Amino acid sequence: MSKKPKIRVITLGLIQDKNRLFVSEGYDSVKNQEFYRPLGGGLDFGETSFEALKREFQEEVKGELTNIQYLGCVENIFIYNGKPGHEIIQLYGCDFSDRKFYELESLFFFEGKREVKALWIEIDRLTSGELVLVPTKLLEFVQK
């Protein structure tokens, strides 16, 4: 008996600094494609998306958030590494409390056993299609 796919509820934090966006780097080995997405993660049962956002940033990059504002809900149906996925994304705009994050070129953190790189990317490189932001609908929430 095959396991029925689940719809995952996640929260993401869109952190923008002038013409830059803070994102994590990902790679789809089936598509042989690098992609970027804002940091965040799944909600635990009984946890609000707001609480999960703060927890995820603390766990991933030891970062405290401020100016957290709800931007909207984005539904994302996709194929990643050859497998179908479905997410409901609670999207927030926010800032880092500590200015040191804005001076970093990049940093690394672990998601389980996988090392992930987080970095600042110029928004123009995402809107031009040179680099891929997932889901692409998130670009609608970026301040031009």
N, C-alpha and C. Protein backbone atom coordinates (compact mmCIF):
# COMPACT_ATOMS: atom_id res chain seq x y z
N MET A 1 0.85 -1.18 0.00
CA MET A 1 0.00 0.00 0.00
C MET A 1 0.90 1.25 0.00
N SER A 2 0.71 2.11 -0.98
CA SER A 2 1.55 3.31 -1.07
C SER A 2 1.02 4.40 -0.14
N LYS A 3 1.96 5.18 0.35
CA LYS A 3 1.61 6.27 1.27
C LYS A 3 1.00 7.41 0.47
N LYS A 4 -0.14 7.91 0.95
CA LYS A 4 -0.82 9.01 0.27
C LYS A 4 -0.02 10.30 0.48
N PRO A 5 0.25 11.05 -0.60
CA PRO A 5 0.99 12.31 -0.43
C PRO A 5 0.23 13.28 0.47
N LYS A 6 0.99 14.07 1.20
CA LYS A 6 0.40 15.04 2.14
C LYS A 6 0.63 16.46 1.63
N ILE A 7 -0.27 17.34 2.00
CA ILE A 7 -0.08 18.77 1.74
C ILE A 7 0.64 19.32 2.96
N ARG A 8 1.75 19.98 2.73
CA ARG A 8 2.58 20.50 3.81
C ARG A 8 2.27 21.97 4.05
N VAL A 9 2.10 22.36 5.30
CA VAL A 9 1.90 23.78 5.63
C VAL A 9 3.23 24.31 6.14
N ILE A 10 3.74 25.36 5.48
CA ILE A 10 5.03 25.93 5.87
C ILE A 10 4.89 27.44 6.02
N THR A 11 5.90 28.03 6.63
CA THR A 11 5.98 29.48 6.78
C THR A 11 7.34 29.92 6.24
N LEU A 12 7.36 31.02 5.50
CA LEU A 12 8.61 31.56 4.95
C LEU A 12 8.73 33.03 5.30
N GLY A 13 9.96 33.48 5.50
CA GLY A 13 10.24 34.88 5.83
C GLY A 13 10.96 35.57 4.69
N LEU A 14 10.31 36.55 4.11
CA LEU A 14 10.88 37.33 3.01
C LEU A 14 11.65 38.50 3.63
N ILE A 15 12.97 38.41 3.60
CA ILE A 15 13.80 39.48 4.16
C ILE A 15 14.49 40.20 3.01
N GLN A 16 14.15 41.46 2.87
CA GLN A 16 14.67 42.27 1.77
C GLN A 16 15.50 43.42 2.33
N ASP A 17 16.63 43.64 1.72
CA ASP A 17 17.50 44.76 2.08
C ASP A 17 17.81 45.52 0.79
N LYS A 18 17.09 46.60 0.57
CA LYS A 18 17.20 47.39 -0.67
C LYS A 18 16.96 46.47 -1.87
N ASN A 19 18.02 46.20 -2.65
CA ASN A 19 17.87 45.40 -3.87
C ASN A 19 18.27 43.94 -3.67
N ARG A 20 18.32 43.49 -2.39
CA ARG A 20 18.75 42.11 -2.12
C ARG A 20 17.69 41.35 -1.34
N LEU A 21 17.70 40.03 -1.53
CA LEU A 21 16.80 39.13 -0.82
C LEU A 21 17.64 38.07 -0.11
N PHE A 22 17.29 37.74 1.14
CA PHE A 22 18.01 36.70 1.89
C PHE A 22 17.32 35.37 1.64
N VAL A 23 18.06 34.43 1.04
CA VAL A 23 17.49 33.15 0.61
C VAL A 23 18.44 32.00 0.93
N SER A 24 17.89 30.80 0.87
CA SER A 24 18.73 29.61 0.97
C SER A 24 18.85 29.00 -0.42
N GLU A 25 19.96 28.30 -0.62
CA GLU A 25 20.27 27.72 -1.91
C GLU A 25 19.81 26.26 -1.91
N GLY A 26 19.17 25.85 -2.98
CA GLY A 26 18.75 24.46 -3.11
C GLY A 26 19.16 23.91 -4.45
N TYR A 27 19.06 22.59 -4.59
CA TYR A 27 19.45 21.96 -5.85
C TYR A 27 18.52 20.79 -6.13
N ASP A 28 17.99 20.75 -7.34
CA ASP A 28 17.16 19.65 -7.80
C ASP A 28 18.02 18.78 -8.70
N SER A 29 18.38 17.58 -8.22
CA SER A 29 19.30 16.72 -8.97
C SER A 29 18.67 16.13 -10.23
N VAL A 30 17.35 15.98 -10.26
CA VAL A 30 16.68 15.45 -11.45
C VAL A 30 16.66 16.51 -12.57
N LYS A 31 16.31 17.74 -12.21
CA LYS A 31 16.29 18.84 -13.18
C LYS A 31 17.69 19.41 -13.42
N ASN A 32 18.65 19.02 -12.56
CA ASN A 32 20.00 19.57 -12.61
C ASN A 32 19.93 21.10 -12.55
N GLN A 33 19.19 21.59 -11.54
CA GLN A 33 18.92 23.03 -11.45
C GLN A 33 19.10 23.54 -10.02
N GLU A 34 19.84 24.63 -9.92
CA GLU A 34 19.98 25.33 -8.65
C GLU A 34 18.78 26.27 -8.50
N PHE A 35 18.30 26.43 -7.27
CA PHE A 35 17.19 27.35 -7.03
C PHE A 35 17.38 28.01 -5.67
N TYR A 36 16.58 29.04 -5.40
CA TYR A 36 16.67 29.79 -4.15
C TYR A 36 15.27 29.94 -3.58
N ARG A 37 15.20 29.99 -2.25
CA ARG A 37 13.91 30.24 -1.61
C ARG A 37 14.16 30.90 -0.26
N PRO A 38 13.20 31.69 0.20
CA PRO A 38 13.34 32.32 1.52
C PRO A 38 13.44 31.24 2.61
N LEU A 39 14.00 31.59 3.74
CA LEU A 39 14.12 30.65 4.85
C LEU A 39 12.79 30.49 5.56
N GLY A 40 12.66 29.38 6.22
CA GLY A 40 11.45 29.05 6.96
C GLY A 40 11.33 27.54 7.09
N GLY A 41 10.12 27.07 7.30
CA GLY A 41 9.93 25.63 7.42
C GLY A 41 8.54 25.27 7.86
N GLY A 42 8.39 24.01 8.21
CA GLY A 42 7.09 23.46 8.55
C GLY A 42 6.59 23.88 9.93
N LEU A 43 5.28 23.88 10.05
CA LEU A 43 4.63 24.18 11.33
C LEU A 43 4.51 22.90 12.14
N ASP A 44 4.70 23.01 13.44
CA ASP A 44 4.43 21.91 14.34
C ASP A 44 2.97 22.01 14.75
N PHE A 45 2.37 20.87 15.09
CA PHE A 45 0.97 20.87 15.51
C PHE A 45 0.78 21.82 16.69
N GLY A 46 -0.23 22.67 16.62
CA GLY A 46 -0.53 23.61 17.70
C GLY A 46 0.29 24.89 17.66
N GLU A 47 1.13 25.03 16.66
CA GLU A 47 1.99 26.21 16.53
C GLU A 47 1.44 27.10 15.42
N THR A 48 1.40 28.40 15.64
CA THR A 48 0.97 29.30 14.58
C THR A 48 2.11 29.49 13.58
N SER A 49 1.76 29.96 12.37
CA SER A 49 2.80 30.20 11.36
C SER A 49 3.76 31.29 11.82
N PHE A 50 3.26 32.26 12.57
CA PHE A 50 4.09 33.34 13.13
C PHE A 50 5.13 32.76 14.10
N GLU A 51 4.68 31.89 15.00
CA GLU A 51 5.59 31.25 15.97
C GLU A 51 6.59 30.35 15.26
N ALA A 52 6.11 29.61 14.26
CA ALA A 52 7.00 28.71 13.51
C ALA A 52 8.08 29.49 12.77
N LEU A 53 7.71 30.64 12.21
CA LEU A 53 8.68 31.47 11.50
C LEU A 53 9.83 31.87 12.43
N LYS A 54 9.48 32.37 13.61
CA LYS A 54 10.50 32.79 14.57
C LYS A 54 11.36 31.60 15.01
N ARG A 55 10.73 30.45 15.25
CA ARG A 55 11.47 29.25 15.66
C ARG A 55 12.42 28.78 14.56
N GLU A 56 11.93 28.75 13.33
CA GLU A 56 12.76 28.28 12.21
C GLU A 56 14.00 29.15 12.02
N PHE A 57 13.84 30.48 12.09
CA PHE A 57 15.01 31.36 11.93
C PHE A 57 15.99 31.18 13.08
N GLN A 58 15.46 30.93 14.28
CA GLN A 58 16.32 30.70 15.43
C GLN A 58 17.09 29.38 15.25
N GLU A 59 16.39 28.33 14.82
CA GLU A 59 17.03 27.02 14.62
C GLU A 59 18.04 27.05 13.48
N GLU A 60 17.67 27.68 12.37
CA GLU A 60 18.50 27.61 11.18
C GLU A 60 19.70 28.55 11.23
N VAL A 61 19.50 29.82 11.53
CA VAL A 61 20.60 30.78 11.46
C VAL A 61 20.85 31.53 12.76
N LYS A 62 20.19 31.09 13.85
CA LYS A 62 20.33 31.76 15.16
C LYS A 62 19.96 33.23 15.05
N GLY A 63 18.93 33.51 14.22
CA GLY A 63 18.53 34.89 13.97
C GLY A 63 17.19 35.24 14.60
N GLU A 64 17.17 36.40 15.24
CA GLU A 64 15.92 36.95 15.78
C GLU A 64 15.31 37.85 14.72
N LEU A 65 13.97 37.81 14.61
CA LEU A 65 13.27 38.61 13.61
C LEU A 65 12.52 39.77 14.25
N THR A 66 12.35 40.84 13.48
CA THR A 66 11.58 42.00 13.90
C THR A 66 10.76 42.48 12.71
N ASN A 67 9.85 43.41 12.95
CA ASN A 67 9.00 43.97 11.88
C ASN A 67 8.29 42.88 11.07
N ILE A 68 7.80 41.87 11.74
CA ILE A 68 7.17 40.74 11.06
C ILE A 68 5.75 41.12 10.65
N GLN A 69 5.48 41.04 9.35
CA GLN A 69 4.15 41.40 8.82
C GLN A 69 3.68 40.30 7.88
N TYR A 70 2.44 39.87 8.08
CA TYR A 70 1.85 38.85 7.23
C TYR A 70 1.62 39.41 5.82
N LEU A 71 2.13 38.69 4.81
CA LEU A 71 1.98 39.15 3.42
C LEU A 71 0.88 38.41 2.68
N GLY A 72 0.68 37.13 3.03
CA GLY A 72 -0.35 36.38 2.33
C GLY A 72 -0.06 34.89 2.31
N CYS A 73 -0.95 34.20 1.64
CA CYS A 73 -0.87 32.75 1.53
C CYS A 73 -0.61 32.39 0.07
N VAL A 74 0.35 31.50 -0.16
CA VAL A 74 0.71 31.08 -1.51
C VAL A 74 0.61 29.56 -1.57
N GLU A 75 -0.10 29.07 -2.57
CA GLU A 75 -0.19 27.62 -2.77
C GLU A 75 0.86 27.23 -3.80
N ASN A 76 1.62 26.19 -3.50
CA ASN A 76 2.73 25.78 -4.36
C ASN A 76 2.62 24.28 -4.66
N ILE A 77 2.34 23.95 -5.92
CA ILE A 77 2.31 22.57 -6.38
C ILE A 77 3.49 22.42 -7.32
N PHE A 78 4.36 21.45 -7.05
CA PHE A 78 5.64 21.40 -7.74
C PHE A 78 6.18 19.96 -7.85
N ILE A 79 7.25 19.82 -8.62
CA ILE A 79 8.00 18.57 -8.71
C ILE A 79 9.41 18.88 -8.23
N TYR A 80 9.89 18.14 -7.23
CA TYR A 80 11.24 18.34 -6.69
C TYR A 80 11.94 16.98 -6.63
N ASN A 81 13.10 16.90 -7.24
CA ASN A 81 13.85 15.64 -7.33
C ASN A 81 12.97 14.50 -7.86
N GLY A 82 12.11 14.85 -8.84
CA GLY A 82 11.27 13.86 -9.50
C GLY A 82 10.00 13.46 -8.74
N LYS A 83 9.77 14.06 -7.57
CA LYS A 83 8.59 13.71 -6.78
C LYS A 83 7.65 14.91 -6.66
N PRO A 84 6.33 14.65 -6.74
CA PRO A 84 5.38 15.76 -6.61
C PRO A 84 5.31 16.27 -5.19
N GLY A 85 5.11 17.58 -5.04
CA GLY A 85 4.97 18.21 -3.73
C GLY A 85 3.84 19.22 -3.77
N HIS A 86 3.29 19.50 -2.60
CA HIS A 86 2.19 20.46 -2.49
C HIS A 86 2.34 21.16 -1.14
N GLU A 87 2.48 22.47 -1.19
CA GLU A 87 2.67 23.27 0.02
C GLU A 87 1.65 24.40 0.08
N ILE A 88 1.24 24.70 1.29
CA ILE A 88 0.51 25.93 1.57
C ILE A 88 1.50 26.80 2.35
N ILE A 89 1.87 27.93 1.77
CA ILE A 89 2.90 28.79 2.36
C ILE A 89 2.26 30.00 3.02
N GLN A 90 2.53 30.17 4.31
CA GLN A 90 2.16 31.40 5.01
C GLN A 90 3.39 32.30 4.91
N LEU A 91 3.27 33.39 4.18
CA LEU A 91 4.41 34.24 3.86
C LEU A 91 4.41 35.51 4.71
N TYR A 92 5.56 35.80 5.27
CA TYR A 92 5.74 37.00 6.10
C TYR A 92 6.90 37.82 5.55
N GLY A 93 6.74 39.13 5.61
CA GLY A 93 7.85 40.05 5.39
C GLY A 93 8.45 40.33 6.76
N CYS A 94 9.77 40.37 6.86
CA CYS A 94 10.41 40.60 8.16
C CYS A 94 11.82 41.12 7.97
N ASP A 95 12.43 41.47 9.09
CA ASP A 95 13.81 41.95 9.11
C ASP A 95 14.56 41.19 10.20
N PHE A 96 15.88 41.15 10.06
CA PHE A 96 16.71 40.63 11.14
C PHE A 96 16.82 41.70 12.23
N SER A 97 16.76 41.29 13.49
CA SER A 97 16.97 42.23 14.61
C SER A 97 18.43 42.68 14.65
N ASP A 98 19.34 41.77 14.36
CA ASP A 98 20.78 42.04 14.45
C ASP A 98 21.31 42.47 13.09
N ARG A 99 21.87 43.68 13.03
CA ARG A 99 22.39 44.24 11.77
C ARG A 99 23.52 43.40 11.17
N LYS A 100 24.17 42.55 11.97
CA LYS A 100 25.31 41.76 11.45
C LYS A 100 24.89 40.87 10.28
N PHE A 101 23.61 40.44 10.26
CA PHE A 101 23.14 39.58 9.17
C PHE A 101 23.16 40.30 7.82
N TYR A 102 23.03 41.61 7.84
CA TYR A 102 23.03 42.37 6.60
C TYR A 102 24.43 42.56 6.03
N GLU A 103 25.45 42.30 6.85
CA GLU A 103 26.84 42.45 6.41
C GLU A 103 27.43 41.13 5.93
N LEU A 104 26.74 40.02 6.17
CA LEU A 104 27.24 38.71 5.77
C LEU A 104 27.13 38.52 4.27
N GLU A 105 28.13 37.81 3.70
CA GLU A 105 28.00 37.40 2.31
C GLU A 105 27.15 36.14 2.26
N SER A 106 27.46 35.20 3.16
CA SER A 106 26.70 33.95 3.24
C SER A 106 26.96 33.30 4.59
N LEU A 107 26.14 32.30 4.91
CA LEU A 107 26.35 31.49 6.10
C LEU A 107 25.80 30.10 5.82
N PHE A 108 26.23 29.13 6.61
CA PHE A 108 25.79 27.75 6.42
C PHE A 108 25.04 27.27 7.65
N PHE A 109 24.03 26.43 7.43
CA PHE A 109 23.30 25.80 8.53
C PHE A 109 22.90 24.41 8.09
N PHE A 110 22.43 23.63 9.03
CA PHE A 110 22.03 22.26 8.72
C PHE A 110 20.52 22.09 8.80
N GLU A 111 19.97 21.42 7.80
CA GLU A 111 18.58 20.96 7.80
C GLU A 111 18.69 19.45 7.88
N GLY A 112 18.50 18.91 9.09
CA GLY A 112 18.77 17.49 9.28
C GLY A 112 20.26 17.27 9.11
N LYS A 113 20.64 16.40 8.17
CA LYS A 113 22.07 16.13 7.93
C LYS A 113 22.61 16.92 6.74
N ARG A 114 21.73 17.66 6.07
CA ARG A 114 22.12 18.37 4.85
C ARG A 114 22.58 19.79 5.18
N GLU A 115 23.77 20.13 4.71
CA GLU A 115 24.28 21.49 4.90
C GLU A 115 23.64 22.41 3.86
N VAL A 116 23.16 23.56 4.30
CA VAL A 116 22.48 24.51 3.42
C VAL A 116 23.19 25.86 3.50
N LYS A 117 23.32 26.50 2.35
CA LYS A 117 23.93 27.82 2.29
C LYS A 117 22.82 28.87 2.20
N ALA A 118 22.91 29.90 3.04
CA ALA A 118 22.00 31.05 2.98
C ALA A 118 22.84 32.25 2.55
N LEU A 119 22.26 33.09 1.70
CA LEU A 119 23.02 34.22 1.17
C LEU A 119 22.09 35.31 0.66
N TRP A 120 22.69 36.46 0.41
CA TRP A 120 21.97 37.58 -0.18
C TRP A 120 22.10 37.49 -1.70
N ILE A 121 20.97 37.61 -2.40
CA ILE A 121 20.94 37.58 -3.86
C ILE A 121 20.30 38.88 -4.35
N GLU A 122 20.87 39.45 -5.40
CA GLU A 122 20.28 40.66 -5.99
C GLU A 122 18.94 40.29 -6.60
N ILE A 123 17.92 41.07 -6.29
CA ILE A 123 16.56 40.81 -6.77
C ILE A 123 16.51 40.82 -8.29
N ASP A 124 17.29 41.68 -8.94
CA ASP A 124 17.32 41.75 -10.41
C ASP A 124 17.68 40.40 -11.03
N ARG A 125 18.55 39.65 -10.37
CA ARG A 125 18.97 38.34 -10.90
C ARG A 125 17.84 37.32 -10.81
N LEU A 126 16.90 37.55 -9.88
CA LEU A 126 15.74 36.66 -9.75
C LEU A 126 14.63 37.08 -10.71
N THR A 127 14.36 38.39 -10.80
CA THR A 127 13.28 38.86 -11.68
C THR A 127 13.64 38.66 -13.15
N SER A 128 14.93 38.69 -13.49
CA SER A 128 15.35 38.50 -14.89
C SER A 128 15.30 37.04 -15.31
N GLY A 129 15.20 36.14 -14.32
CA GLY A 129 15.21 34.71 -14.64
C GLY A 129 16.60 34.10 -14.67
N GLU A 130 17.63 34.93 -14.45
CA GLU A 130 19.01 34.40 -14.41
C GLU A 130 19.11 33.36 -13.29
N LEU A 131 18.51 33.66 -12.14
CA LEU A 131 18.45 32.73 -11.01
C LEU A 131 16.98 32.43 -10.73
N VAL A 132 16.71 31.24 -10.19
CA VAL A 132 15.33 30.80 -9.97
C VAL A 132 14.93 30.92 -8.50
N LEU A 133 13.86 31.68 -8.23
CA LEU A 133 13.27 31.75 -6.91
C LEU A 133 12.06 30.82 -6.90
N VAL A 134 11.95 29.98 -5.87
CA VAL A 134 10.79 29.08 -5.78
C VAL A 134 9.99 29.37 -4.53
N PRO A 135 8.66 29.32 -4.65
CA PRO A 135 7.96 29.39 -5.93
C PRO A 135 8.10 30.79 -6.54
N THR A 136 8.05 30.86 -7.86
CA THR A 136 8.27 32.15 -8.55
C THR A 136 7.22 33.18 -8.15
N LYS A 137 6.04 32.74 -7.72
CA LYS A 137 4.97 33.66 -7.30
C LYS A 137 5.44 34.58 -6.17
N LEU A 138 6.46 34.19 -5.41
CA LEU A 138 6.97 35.02 -4.32
C LEU A 138 7.50 36.35 -4.81
N LEU A 139 7.92 36.40 -6.08
CA LEU A 139 8.43 37.66 -6.63
C LEU A 139 7.39 38.76 -6.60
N GLU A 140 6.09 38.37 -6.61
CA GLU A 140 5.02 39.37 -6.55
C GLU A 140 5.01 40.12 -5.21
N PHE A 141 5.64 39.55 -4.19
CA PHE A 141 5.64 40.16 -2.85
C PHE A 141 6.91 40.97 -2.57
N VAL A 142 7.85 40.96 -3.52
CA VAL A 142 9.10 41.68 -3.35
C VAL A 142 8.89 43.15 -3.72
N GLN A 143 9.41 44.05 -2.88
CA GLN A 143 9.29 45.49 -3.14
C GLN A 143 10.26 45.88 -4.24
N LYS A 144 9.73 46.48 -5.29
CA LYS A 144 10.60 46.86 -6.43
C LYS A 144 11.25 48.20 -6.17
